[in-house]
Amino acid sequence: MDVVKVVTVLSVVIESLTKTILLVWGIISKPMAEWSEEERRDVINTVISVIIAVGVNLDIFALAGIPFRISVLGPMFTGLIFARGAGVINNILDIIYYAKVYRRDNVKIQQ
């Protein structure tokens, strides 16, 4: 497992998860009647993202070669990351892709 790829992916993922959890926590910690339309949309988006990711067993961590001992955590965290939007997912996938290309090209050069 490429240490640089793992550290890079995990740093982006942890930042994204932290922001998502803080956003949702700030919303659900107040009465539902006080939620704005945007806050309701954020909570619904997060719940739907997690349900879909768990339902189809979508695990971006497994794709990056970072397995969880508790298998449902990968899809749950993937759902939370997906709730952040396409930009975050695109950044993570770029990191994974370029790490694989870099490793593949270096193997070819060494042969």
PDB file of N, CA and C in Angstrom:
ATOM      1  N   MET A   1       0.838  -1.174   0.000  1.00  0.00           N
ATOM      2  CA  MET A   1       0.000   0.000   0.000  1.00  0.00           C
ATOM      3  C   MET A   1       0.892   1.249   0.000  1.00  0.00           C
ATOM      4  N   ASP A   2       0.623   2.172  -0.888  1.00  0.00           N
ATOM      5  CA  ASP A   2       1.408   3.388  -1.016  1.00  0.00           C
ATOM      6  C   ASP A   2       1.081   4.338   0.135  1.00  0.00           C
ATOM      7  N   VAL A   3       2.048   4.607   0.985  1.00  0.00           N
ATOM      8  CA  VAL A   3       1.841   5.416   2.184  1.00  0.00           C
ATOM      9  C   VAL A   3       1.423   6.844   1.826  1.00  0.00           C
ATOM     10  N   VAL A   4       2.027   7.418   0.814  1.00  0.00           N
ATOM     11  CA  VAL A   4       1.694   8.792   0.426  1.00  0.00           C
ATOM     12  C   VAL A   4       0.233   8.880  -0.013  1.00  0.00           C
ATOM     13  N   LYS A   5      -0.201   7.897  -0.809  1.00  0.00           N
ATOM     14  CA  LYS A   5      -1.595   7.886  -1.265  1.00  0.00           C
ATOM     15  C   LYS A   5      -2.539   7.762  -0.080  1.00  0.00           C
ATOM     16  N   VAL A   6      -2.238   6.860   0.828  1.00  0.00           N
ATOM     17  CA  VAL A   6      -3.104   6.640   1.987  1.00  0.00           C
ATOM     18  C   VAL A   6      -3.189   7.906   2.835  1.00  0.00           C
ATOM     19  N   VAL A   7      -2.068   8.502   3.125  1.00  0.00           N
ATOM     20  CA  VAL A   7      -2.060   9.719   3.954  1.00  0.00           C
ATOM     21  C   VAL A   7      -2.804  10.848   3.257  1.00  0.00           C
ATOM     22  N   THR A   8      -2.599  11.014   1.969  1.00  0.00           N
ATOM     23  CA  THR A   8      -3.264  12.073   1.221  1.00  0.00           C
ATOM     24  C   THR A   8      -4.768  11.864   1.182  1.00  0.00           C
ATOM     25  N   VAL A   9      -5.189  10.653   0.836  1.00  0.00           N
ATOM     26  CA  VAL A   9      -6.622  10.356   0.779  1.00  0.00           C
ATOM     27  C   VAL A   9      -7.244  10.548   2.153  1.00  0.00           C
ATOM     28  N   LEU A  10      -6.619  10.005   3.183  1.00  0.00           N
ATOM     29  CA  LEU A  10      -7.186  10.122   4.521  1.00  0.00           C
ATOM     30  C   LEU A  10      -7.252  11.565   4.997  1.00  0.00           C
ATOM     31  N   SER A  11      -6.268  12.389   4.661  1.00  0.00           N
ATOM     32  CA  SER A  11      -6.316  13.789   5.094  1.00  0.00           C
ATOM     33  C   SER A  11      -7.476  14.533   4.437  1.00  0.00           C
ATOM     34  N   VAL A  12      -7.693  14.300   3.153  1.00  0.00           N
ATOM     35  CA  VAL A  12      -8.822  14.935   2.463  1.00  0.00           C
ATOM     36  C   VAL A  12     -10.145  14.408   3.013  1.00  0.00           C
ATOM     37  N   VAL A  13     -10.207  13.104   3.233  1.00  0.00           N
ATOM     38  CA  VAL A  13     -11.425  12.475   3.740  1.00  0.00           C
ATOM     39  C   VAL A  13     -11.749  12.956   5.151  1.00  0.00           C
ATOM     40  N   ILE A  14     -10.755  13.007   6.023  1.00  0.00           N
ATOM     41  CA  ILE A  14     -10.998  13.435   7.401  1.00  0.00           C
ATOM     42  C   ILE A  14     -11.462  14.882   7.440  1.00  0.00           C
ATOM     43  N   GLU A  15     -10.863  15.731   6.631  1.00  0.00           N
ATOM     44  CA  GLU A  15     -11.310  17.124   6.573  1.00  0.00           C
ATOM     45  C   GLU A  15     -12.763  17.203   6.110  1.00  0.00           C
ATOM     46  N   SER A  16     -13.090  16.452   5.080  1.00  0.00           N
ATOM     47  CA  SER A  16     -14.445  16.454   4.549  1.00  0.00           C
ATOM     48  C   SER A  16     -15.446  15.910   5.564  1.00  0.00           C
ATOM     49  N   LEU A  17     -15.098  14.807   6.193  1.00  0.00           N
ATOM     50  CA  LEU A  17     -15.992  14.219   7.193  1.00  0.00           C
ATOM     51  C   LEU A  17     -16.198  15.157   8.377  1.00  0.00           C
ATOM     52  N   THR A  18     -15.137  15.800   8.814  1.00  0.00           N
ATOM     53  CA  THR A  18     -15.245  16.733   9.934  1.00  0.00           C
ATOM     54  C   THR A  18     -16.195  17.875   9.601  1.00  0.00           C
ATOM     55  N   LYS A  19     -16.041  18.453   8.417  1.00  0.00           N
ATOM     56  CA  LYS A  19     -16.924  19.551   8.014  1.00  0.00           C
ATOM     57  C   LYS A  19     -18.368  19.084   7.906  1.00  0.00           C
ATOM     58  N   THR A  20     -18.593  17.906   7.352  1.00  0.00           N
ATOM     59  CA  THR A  20     -19.952  17.388   7.202  1.00  0.00           C
ATOM     60  C   THR A  20     -20.582  17.113   8.558  1.00  0.00           C
ATOM     61  N   ILE A  21     -19.850  16.465   9.445  1.00  0.00           N
ATOM     62  CA  ILE A  21     -20.384  16.145  10.771  1.00  0.00           C
ATOM     63  C   ILE A  21     -20.669  17.415  11.560  1.00  0.00           C
ATOM     64  N   LEU A  22     -19.780  18.398  11.509  1.00  0.00           N
ATOM     65  CA  LEU A  22     -20.020  19.663  12.206  1.00  0.00           C
ATOM     66  C   LEU A  22     -21.243  20.395  11.644  1.00  0.00           C
ATOM     67  N   LEU A  23     -21.406  20.361  10.334  1.00  0.00           N
ATOM     68  CA  LEU A  23     -22.567  20.983   9.707  1.00  0.00           C
ATOM     69  C   LEU A  23     -23.850  20.326  10.188  1.00  0.00           C
ATOM     70  N   VAL A  24     -23.898  19.007  10.105  1.00  0.00           N
ATOM     71  CA  VAL A  24     -25.109  18.281  10.506  1.00  0.00           C
ATOM     72  C   VAL A  24     -25.342  18.425  12.008  1.00  0.00           C
ATOM     73  N   TRP A  25     -24.285  18.340  12.805  1.00  0.00           N
ATOM     74  CA  TRP A  25     -24.427  18.478  14.255  1.00  0.00           C
ATOM     75  C   TRP A  25     -24.996  19.845  14.618  1.00  0.00           C
ATOM     76  N   GLY A  26     -24.501  20.888  13.978  1.00  0.00           N
ATOM     77  CA  GLY A  26     -25.011  22.238  14.235  1.00  0.00           C
ATOM     78  C   GLY A  26     -26.489  22.368  13.898  1.00  0.00           C
ATOM     79  N   ILE A  27     -26.922  21.642  12.892  1.00  0.00           N
ATOM     80  CA  ILE A  27     -28.323  21.710  12.480  1.00  0.00           C
ATOM     81  C   ILE A  27     -29.204  20.904  13.429  1.00  0.00           C
ATOM     82  N   ILE A  28     -28.813  19.653  13.696  1.00  0.00           N
ATOM     83  CA  ILE A  28     -29.690  18.792  14.493  1.00  0.00           C
ATOM     84  C   ILE A  28     -29.669  19.134  15.980  1.00  0.00           C
ATOM     85  N   SER A  29     -28.728  19.966  16.410  1.00  0.00           N
ATOM     86  CA  SER A  29     -28.671  20.333  17.822  1.00  0.00           C
ATOM     87  C   SER A  29     -29.690  21.410  18.190  1.00  0.00           C
ATOM     88  N   LYS A  30     -30.398  21.945  17.216  1.00  0.00           N
ATOM     89  CA  LYS A  30     -31.449  22.915  17.518  1.00  0.00           C
ATOM     90  C   LYS A  30     -32.802  22.327  17.112  1.00  0.00           C
ATOM     91  N   PRO A  31     -33.881  22.869  17.637  1.00  0.00           N
ATOM     92  CA  PRO A  31     -35.206  22.315  17.310  1.00  0.00           C
ATOM     93  C   PRO A  31     -35.480  22.343  15.806  1.00  0.00           C
ATOM     94  N   MET A  32     -36.152  21.312  15.322  1.00  0.00           N
ATOM     95  CA  MET A  32     -36.427  21.176  13.896  1.00  0.00           C
ATOM     96  C   MET A  32     -37.224  22.368  13.358  1.00  0.00           C
ATOM     97  N   ALA A  33     -38.050  22.949  14.173  1.00  0.00           N
ATOM     98  CA  ALA A  33     -38.865  24.089  13.743  1.00  0.00           C
ATOM     99  C   ALA A  33     -38.012  25.305  13.376  1.00  0.00           C
ATOM    100  N   GLU A  34     -36.787  25.352  13.888  1.00  0.00           N
ATOM    101  CA  GLU A  34     -35.897  26.484  13.612  1.00  0.00           C
ATOM    102  C   GLU A  34     -34.986  26.258  12.410  1.00  0.00           C
ATOM    103  N   TRP A  35     -35.058  25.076  11.812  1.00  0.00           N
ATOM    104  CA  TRP A  35     -34.194  24.783  10.672  1.00  0.00           C
ATOM    105  C   TRP A  35     -34.608  25.620   9.471  1.00  0.00           C
ATOM    106  N   SER A  36     -33.613  26.170   8.786  1.00  0.00           N
ATOM    107  CA  SER A  36     -33.890  26.889   7.547  1.00  0.00           C
ATOM    108  C   SER A  36     -34.099  25.865   6.427  1.00  0.00           C
ATOM    109  N   GLU A  37     -34.566  26.340   5.288  1.00  0.00           N
ATOM    110  CA  GLU A  37     -34.776  25.458   4.137  1.00  0.00           C
ATOM    111  C   GLU A  37     -33.450  24.821   3.710  1.00  0.00           C
ATOM    112  N   GLU A  38     -32.374  25.609   3.724  1.00  0.00           N
ATOM    113  CA  GLU A  38     -31.056  25.087   3.344  1.00  0.00           C
ATOM    114  C   GLU A  38     -30.581  24.018   4.332  1.00  0.00           C
ATOM    115  N   GLU A  39     -30.817  24.229   5.616  1.00  0.00           N
ATOM    116  CA  GLU A  39     -30.409  23.244   6.614  1.00  0.00           C
ATOM    117  C   GLU A  39     -31.187  21.938   6.452  1.00  0.00           C
ATOM    118  N   ARG A  40     -32.468  22.038   6.166  1.00  0.00           N
ATOM    119  CA  ARG A  40     -33.266  20.829   5.912  1.00  0.00           C
ATOM    120  C   ARG A  40     -32.726  20.082   4.704  1.00  0.00           C
ATOM    121  N   ARG A  41     -32.394  20.833   3.673  1.00  0.00           N
ATOM    122  CA  ARG A  41     -31.849  20.230   2.456  1.00  0.00           C
ATOM    123  C   ARG A  41     -30.518  19.536   2.760  1.00  0.00           C
ATOM    124  N   ASP A  42     -29.680  20.164   3.586  1.00  0.00           N
ATOM    125  CA  ASP A  42     -28.388  19.560   3.942  1.00  0.00           C
ATOM    126  C   ASP A  42     -28.563  18.251   4.705  1.00  0.00           C
ATOM    127  N   VAL A  43     -29.490  18.232   5.650  1.00  0.00           N
ATOM    128  CA  VAL A  43     -29.724  17.009   6.420  1.00  0.00           C
ATOM    129  C   VAL A  43     -30.280  15.905   5.530  1.00  0.00           C
ATOM    130  N   ILE A  44     -31.247  16.241   4.693  1.00  0.00           N
ATOM    131  CA  ILE A  44     -31.832  15.248   3.784  1.00  0.00           C
ATOM    132  C   ILE A  44     -30.769  14.725   2.821  1.00  0.00           C
ATOM    133  N   ASN A  45     -29.956  15.619   2.291  1.00  0.00           N
ATOM    134  CA  ASN A  45     -28.873  15.228   1.383  1.00  0.00           C
ATOM    135  C   ASN A  45     -27.919  14.259   2.066  1.00  0.00           C
ATOM    136  N   THR A  46     -27.553  14.546   3.307  1.00  0.00           N
ATOM    137  CA  THR A  46     -26.629  13.695   4.039  1.00  0.00           C
ATOM    138  C   THR A  46     -27.238  12.323   4.303  1.00  0.00           C
ATOM    139  N   VAL A  47     -28.486  12.299   4.755  1.00  0.00           N
ATOM    140  CA  VAL A  47     -29.156  11.022   5.050  1.00  0.00           C
ATOM    141  C   VAL A  47     -29.287  10.181   3.783  1.00  0.00           C
ATOM    142  N   ILE A  48     -29.724  10.790   2.701  1.00  0.00           N
ATOM    143  CA  ILE A  48     -29.888  10.054   1.437  1.00  0.00           C
ATOM    144  C   ILE A  48     -28.540   9.544   0.930  1.00  0.00           C
ATOM    145  N   SER A  49     -27.512  10.362   1.021  1.00  0.00           N
ATOM    146  CA  SER A  49     -26.176   9.944   0.562  1.00  0.00           C
ATOM    147  C   SER A  49     -25.683   8.727   1.333  1.00  0.00           C
ATOM    148  N   VAL A  50     -25.864   8.732   2.650  1.00  0.00           N
ATOM    149  CA  VAL A  50     -25.412   7.603   3.466  1.00  0.00           C
ATOM    150  C   VAL A  50     -26.238   6.361   3.150  1.00  0.00           C
ATOM    151  N   ILE A  51     -27.562   6.510   3.039  1.00  0.00           N
ATOM    152  CA  ILE A  51     -28.425   5.365   2.741  1.00  0.00           C
ATOM    153  C   ILE A  51     -28.043   4.736   1.400  1.00  0.00           C
ATOM    154  N   ILE A  52     -27.828   5.551   0.389  1.00  0.00           N
ATOM    155  CA  ILE A  52     -27.476   5.020  -0.932  1.00  0.00           C
ATOM    156  C   ILE A  52     -26.105   4.347  -0.896  1.00  0.00           C
ATOM    157  N   ALA A  53     -25.120   4.988  -0.289  1.00  0.00           N
ATOM    158  CA  ALA A  53     -23.773   4.408  -0.246  1.00  0.00           C
ATOM    159  C   ALA A  53     -23.764   3.083   0.510  1.00  0.00           C
ATOM    160  N   VAL A  54     -24.475   3.008   1.620  1.00  0.00           N
ATOM    161  CA  VAL A  54     -24.550   1.753   2.374  1.00  0.00           C
ATOM    162  C   VAL A  54     -25.357   0.724   1.584  1.00  0.00           C
ATOM    163  N   GLY A  55     -26.456   1.179   0.971  1.00  0.00           N
ATOM    164  CA  GLY A  55     -27.326   0.273   0.221  1.00  0.00           C
ATOM    165  C   GLY A  55     -26.647  -0.411  -0.953  1.00  0.00           C
ATOM    166  N   VAL A  56     -25.770   0.309  -1.624  1.00  0.00           N
ATOM    167  CA  VAL A  56     -25.075  -0.283  -2.778  1.00  0.00           C
ATOM    168  C   VAL A  56     -23.644  -0.705  -2.431  1.00  0.00           C
ATOM    169  N   ASN A  57     -23.309  -0.578  -1.125  1.00  0.00           N
ATOM    170  CA  ASN A  57     -21.983  -0.947  -0.626  1.00  0.00           C
ATOM    171  C   ASN A  57     -20.876  -0.192  -1.359  1.00  0.00           C
ATOM    172  N   LEU A  58     -21.075   1.098  -1.531  1.00  0.00           N
ATOM    173  CA  LEU A  58     -20.105   1.961  -2.200  1.00  0.00           C
ATOM    174  C   LEU A  58     -19.048   2.390  -1.188  1.00  0.00           C
ATOM    175  N   ASP A  59     -17.808   2.010  -1.428  1.00  0.00           N
ATOM    176  CA  ASP A  59     -16.740   2.245  -0.462  1.00  0.00           C
ATOM    177  C   ASP A  59     -15.522   2.838  -1.154  1.00  0.00           C
ATOM    178  N   ILE A  60     -15.368   4.145  -1.048  1.00  0.00           N
ATOM    179  CA  ILE A  60     -14.238   4.826  -1.683  1.00  0.00           C
ATOM    180  C   ILE A  60     -12.924   4.437  -1.001  1.00  0.00           C
ATOM    181  N   PHE A  61     -12.995   4.023   0.255  1.00  0.00           N
ATOM    182  CA  PHE A  61     -11.793   3.601   0.967  1.00  0.00           C
ATOM    183  C   PHE A  61     -11.245   2.306   0.384  1.00  0.00           C
ATOM    184  N   ALA A  62     -12.140   1.365   0.078  1.00  0.00           N
ATOM    185  CA  ALA A  62     -11.705   0.108  -0.547  1.00  0.00           C
ATOM    186  C   ALA A  62     -11.075   0.389  -1.903  1.00  0.00           C
ATOM    187  N   LEU A  63     -11.645   1.345  -2.647  1.00  0.00           N
ATOM    188  CA  LEU A  63     -11.086   1.731  -3.935  1.00  0.00           C
ATOM    189  C   LEU A  63      -9.661   2.257  -3.785  1.00  0.00           C
ATOM    190  N   ALA A  64      -9.413   2.951  -2.687  1.00  0.00           N
ATOM    191  CA  ALA A  64      -8.079   3.498  -2.436  1.00  0.00           C
ATOM    192  C   ALA A  64      -7.152   2.484  -1.775  1.00  0.00           C
ATOM    193  N   GLY A  65      -7.685   1.284  -1.484  1.00  0.00           N
ATOM    194  CA  GLY A  65      -6.861   0.265  -0.838  1.00  0.00           C
ATOM    195  C   GLY A  65      -6.723   0.469   0.657  1.00  0.00           C
ATOM    196  N   ILE A  66      -7.730   1.106   1.271  1.00  0.00           N
ATOM    197  CA  ILE A  66      -7.727   1.356   2.709  1.00  0.00           C
ATOM    198  C   ILE A  66      -8.922   0.620   3.312  1.00  0.00           C
ATOM    199  N   PRO A  67      -8.719  -0.618   3.733  1.00  0.00           N
ATOM    200  CA  PRO A  67      -9.851  -1.403   4.247  1.00  0.00           C
ATOM    201  C   PRO A  67     -10.192  -1.050   5.697  1.00  0.00           C
ATOM    202  N   PHE A  68     -11.452  -1.177   6.037  1.00  0.00           N
ATOM    203  CA  PHE A  68     -11.916  -1.030   7.417  1.00  0.00           C
ATOM    204  C   PHE A  68     -12.131  -2.413   8.009  1.00  0.00           C
ATOM    205  N   ARG A  69     -11.863  -2.557   9.283  1.00  0.00           N
ATOM    206  CA  ARG A  69     -12.156  -3.825   9.959  1.00  0.00           C
ATOM    207  C   ARG A  69     -13.654  -3.997  10.134  1.00  0.00           C
ATOM    208  N   ILE A  70     -14.359  -2.893  10.299  1.00  0.00           N
ATOM    209  CA  ILE A  70     -15.820  -2.914  10.388  1.00  0.00           C
ATOM    210  C   ILE A  70     -16.326  -2.485   9.015  1.00  0.00           C
ATOM    211  N   SER A  71     -16.822  -3.439   8.248  1.00  0.00           N
ATOM    212  CA  SER A  71     -17.087  -3.221   6.823  1.00  0.00           C
ATOM    213  C   SER A  71     -18.116  -2.131   6.533  1.00  0.00           C
ATOM    214  N   VAL A  72     -19.056  -1.873   7.400  1.00  0.00           N
ATOM    215  CA  VAL A  72     -20.083  -0.868   7.122  1.00  0.00           C
ATOM    216  C   VAL A  72     -19.546   0.561   7.262  1.00  0.00           C
ATOM    217  N   LEU A  73     -18.412   0.743   7.934  1.00  0.00           N
ATOM    218  CA  LEU A  73     -17.862   2.087   8.100  1.00  0.00           C
ATOM    219  C   LEU A  73     -17.449   2.712   6.777  1.00  0.00           C
ATOM    220  N   GLY A  74     -16.868   1.921   5.882  1.00  0.00           N
ATOM    221  CA  GLY A  74     -16.455   2.449   4.576  1.00  0.00           C
ATOM    222  C   GLY A  74     -17.610   3.063   3.814  1.00  0.00           C
ATOM    223  N   PRO A  75     -18.703   2.318   3.611  1.00  0.00           N
ATOM    224  CA  PRO A  75     -19.858   2.905   2.921  1.00  0.00           C
ATOM    225  C   PRO A  75     -20.502   4.067   3.682  1.00  0.00           C
ATOM    226  N   MET A  76     -20.535   3.991   5.017  1.00  0.00           N
ATOM    227  CA  MET A  76     -21.124   5.104   5.787  1.00  0.00           C
ATOM    228  C   MET A  76     -20.318   6.386   5.587  1.00  0.00           C
ATOM    229  N   PHE A  77     -19.005   6.275   5.742  1.00  0.00           N
ATOM    230  CA  PHE A  77     -18.165   7.452   5.559  1.00  0.00           C
ATOM    231  C   PHE A  77     -18.170   7.926   4.112  1.00  0.00           C
ATOM    232  N   THR A  78     -18.258   6.988   3.181  1.00  0.00           N
ATOM    233  CA  THR A  78     -18.366   7.360   1.773  1.00  0.00           C
ATOM    234  C   THR A  78     -19.627   8.172   1.534  1.00  0.00           C
ATOM    235  N   GLY A  79     -20.729   7.769   2.139  1.00  0.00           N
ATOM    236  CA  GLY A  79     -21.975   8.532   2.025  1.00  0.00           C
ATOM    237  C   GLY A  79     -21.836   9.935   2.576  1.00  0.00           C
ATOM    238  N   LEU A  80     -21.160  10.075   3.712  1.00  0.00           N
ATOM    239  CA  LEU A  80     -20.939  11.407   4.283  1.00  0.00           C
ATOM    240  C   LEU A  80     -20.073  12.264   3.364  1.00  0.00           C
ATOM    241  N   ILE A  81     -19.086  11.634   2.747  1.00  0.00           N
ATOM    242  CA  ILE A  81     -18.232  12.371   1.812  1.00  0.00           C
ATOM    243  C   ILE A  81     -19.037  12.792   0.582  1.00  0.00           C
ATOM    244  N   PHE A  82     -19.863  11.889   0.069  1.00  0.00           N
ATOM    245  CA  PHE A  82     -20.685  12.216  -1.093  1.00  0.00           C
ATOM    246  C   PHE A  82     -21.640  13.368  -0.787  1.00  0.00           C
ATOM    247  N   ALA A  83     -22.065  13.477   0.451  1.00  0.00           N
ATOM    248  CA  ALA A  83     -22.952  14.577   0.835  1.00  0.00           C
ATOM    249  C   ALA A  83     -22.265  15.930   0.680  1.00  0.00           C
ATOM    250  N   ARG A  84     -20.945  15.944   0.702  1.00  0.00           N
ATOM    251  CA  ARG A  84     -20.191  17.193   0.541  1.00  0.00           C
ATOM    252  C   ARG A  84     -20.216  17.701  -0.896  1.00  0.00           C
ATOM    253  N   GLY A  85     -20.479  16.801  -1.838  1.00  0.00           N
ATOM    254  CA  GLY A  85     -20.602  17.249  -3.212  1.00  0.00           C
ATOM    255  C   GLY A  85     -19.536  16.692  -4.134  1.00  0.00           C
ATOM    256  N   ALA A  86     -19.729  16.978  -5.405  1.00  0.00           N
ATOM    257  CA  ALA A  86     -18.888  16.406  -6.460  1.00  0.00           C
ATOM    258  C   ALA A  86     -17.449  16.899  -6.398  1.00  0.00           C
ATOM    259  N   GLY A  87     -17.225  18.101  -5.952  1.00  0.00           N
ATOM    260  CA  GLY A  87     -15.864  18.641  -5.911  1.00  0.00           C
ATOM    261  C   GLY A  87     -14.957  17.828  -5.008  1.00  0.00           C
ATOM    262  N   VAL A  88     -15.455  17.471  -3.845  1.00  0.00           N
ATOM    263  CA  VAL A  88     -14.666  16.684  -2.898  1.00  0.00           C
ATOM    264  C   VAL A  88     -14.394  15.295  -3.462  1.00  0.00           C
ATOM    265  N   ILE A  89     -15.427  14.672  -4.020  1.00  0.00           N
ATOM    266  CA  ILE A  89     -15.268  13.338  -4.602  1.00  0.00           C
ATOM    267  C   ILE A  89     -14.268  13.380  -5.746  1.00  0.00           C
ATOM    268  N   ASN A  90     -14.365  14.391  -6.582  1.00  0.00           N
ATOM    269  CA  ASN A  90     -13.444  14.532  -7.704  1.00  0.00           C
ATOM    270  C   ASN A  90     -12.006  14.656  -7.210  1.00  0.00           C
ATOM    271  N   ASN A  91     -11.781  15.425  -6.164  1.00  0.00           N
ATOM    272  CA  ASN A  91     -10.425  15.570  -5.620  1.00  0.00           C
ATOM    273  C   ASN A  91      -9.876  14.245  -5.102  1.00  0.00           C
ATOM    274  N   ILE A  92     -10.714  13.499  -4.383  1.00  0.00           N
ATOM    275  CA  ILE A  92     -10.270  12.219  -3.832  1.00  0.00           C
ATOM    276  C   ILE A  92      -9.973  11.226  -4.949  1.00  0.00           C
ATOM    277  N   LEU A  93     -10.860  11.146  -5.935  1.00  0.00           N
ATOM    278  CA  LEU A  93     -10.638  10.222  -7.048  1.00  0.00           C
ATOM    279  C   LEU A  93      -9.401  10.605  -7.849  1.00  0.00           C
ATOM    280  N   ASP A  94      -9.152  11.903  -8.007  1.00  0.00           N
ATOM    281  CA  ASP A  94      -7.930  12.342  -8.690  1.00  0.00           C
ATOM    282  C   ASP A  94      -6.686  11.869  -7.940  1.00  0.00           C
ATOM    283  N   ILE A  95      -6.701  11.987  -6.628  1.00  0.00           N
ATOM    284  CA  ILE A  95      -5.555  11.557  -5.829  1.00  0.00           C
ATOM    285  C   ILE A  95      -5.314  10.067  -6.028  1.00  0.00           C
ATOM    286  N   ILE A  96      -6.389   9.284  -5.947  1.00  0.00           N
ATOM    287  CA  ILE A  96      -6.265   7.830  -6.114  1.00  0.00           C
ATOM    288  C   ILE A  96      -5.760   7.499  -7.514  1.00  0.00           C
ATOM    289  N   TYR A  97      -6.358   8.130  -8.531  1.00  0.00           N
ATOM    290  CA  TYR A  97      -5.985   7.847  -9.917  1.00  0.00           C
ATOM    291  C   TYR A  97      -4.519   8.189 -10.184  1.00  0.00           C
ATOM    292  N   TYR A  98      -4.102   9.391  -9.796  1.00  0.00           N
ATOM    293  CA  TYR A  98      -2.739   9.799 -10.105  1.00  0.00           C
ATOM    294  C   TYR A  98      -1.711   9.016  -9.301  1.00  0.00           C
ATOM    295  N   ALA A  99      -2.078   8.578  -8.116  1.00  0.00           N
ATOM    296  CA  ALA A  99      -1.171   7.718  -7.345  1.00  0.00           C
ATOM    297  C   ALA A  99      -0.980   6.389  -8.064  1.00  0.00           C
ATOM    298  N   LYS A 100      -2.066   5.845  -8.619  1.00  0.00           N
ATOM    299  CA  LYS A 100      -1.961   4.575  -9.353  1.00  0.00           C
ATOM    300  C   LYS A 100      -1.158   4.754 -10.644  1.00  0.00           C
ATOM    301  N   VAL A 101      -1.394   5.835 -11.364  1.00  0.00           N
ATOM    302  CA  VAL A 101      -0.658   6.094 -12.601  1.00  0.00           C
ATOM    303  C   VAL A 101       0.820   6.293 -12.294  1.00  0.00           C
ATOM    304  N   TYR A 102       1.121   7.056 -11.252  1.00  0.00           N
ATOM    305  CA  TYR A 102       2.506   7.299 -10.870  1.00  0.00           C
ATOM    306  C   TYR A 102       3.202   5.987 -10.524  1.00  0.00           C
ATOM    307  N   ARG A 103       2.542   5.149  -9.744  1.00  0.00           N
ATOM    308  CA  ARG A 103       3.121   3.862  -9.359  1.00  0.00           C
ATOM    309  C   ARG A 103       3.325   2.983 -10.588  1.00  0.00           C
ATOM    310  N   ARG A 104       2.326   2.936 -11.478  1.00  0.00           N
ATOM    311  CA  ARG A 104       2.427   2.117 -12.685  1.00  0.00           C
ATOM    312  C   ARG A 104       3.581   2.583 -13.575  1.00  0.00           C
ATOM    313  N   ASP A 105       3.677   3.906 -13.766  1.00  0.00           N
ATOM    314  CA  ASP A 105       4.751   4.449 -14.610  1.00  0.00           C
ATOM    315  C   ASP A 105       6.129   4.214 -14.014  1.00  0.00           C
ATOM    316  N   ASN A 106       6.245   4.304 -12.701  1.00  0.00           N
ATOM    317  CA  ASN A 106       7.533   4.059 -12.052  1.00  0.00           C
ATOM    318  C   ASN A 106       7.928   2.594 -12.157  1.00  0.00           C
ATOM    319  N   VAL A 107       6.959   1.696 -12.101  1.00  0.00           N
ATOM    320  CA  VAL A 107       7.254   0.271 -12.264  1.00  0.00           C
ATOM    321  C   VAL A 107       7.761   0.015 -13.676  1.00  0.00           C
ATOM    322  N   LYS A 108       7.136   0.641 -14.687  1.00  0.00           N
ATOM    323  CA  LYS A 108       7.567   0.473 -16.090  1.00  0.00           C
ATOM    324  C   LYS A 108       8.986   1.001 -16.286  1.00  0.00           C
ATOM    325  N   ILE A 109       9.296   2.133 -15.678  1.00  0.00           N
ATOM    326  CA  ILE A 109      10.608   2.747 -15.831  1.00  0.00           C
ATOM    327  C   ILE A 109      11.680   1.869 -15.202  1.00  0.00           C
ATOM    328  N   GLN A 110      11.391   1.280 -14.045  1.00  0.00           N
ATOM    329  CA  GLN A 110      12.360   0.459 -13.336  1.00  0.00           C
ATOM    330  C   GLN A 110      12.622  -0.865 -14.052  1.00  0.00           C
ATOM    331  N   GLN A 111      11.660  -1.308 -14.857  1.00  0.00           N
ATOM    332  CA  GLN A 111      11.852  -2.574 -15.581  1.00  0.00           C
ATOM    333  C   GLN A 111      12.692  -2.314 -16.772  1.00  0.00           C
TER     334      GLN A 111
END
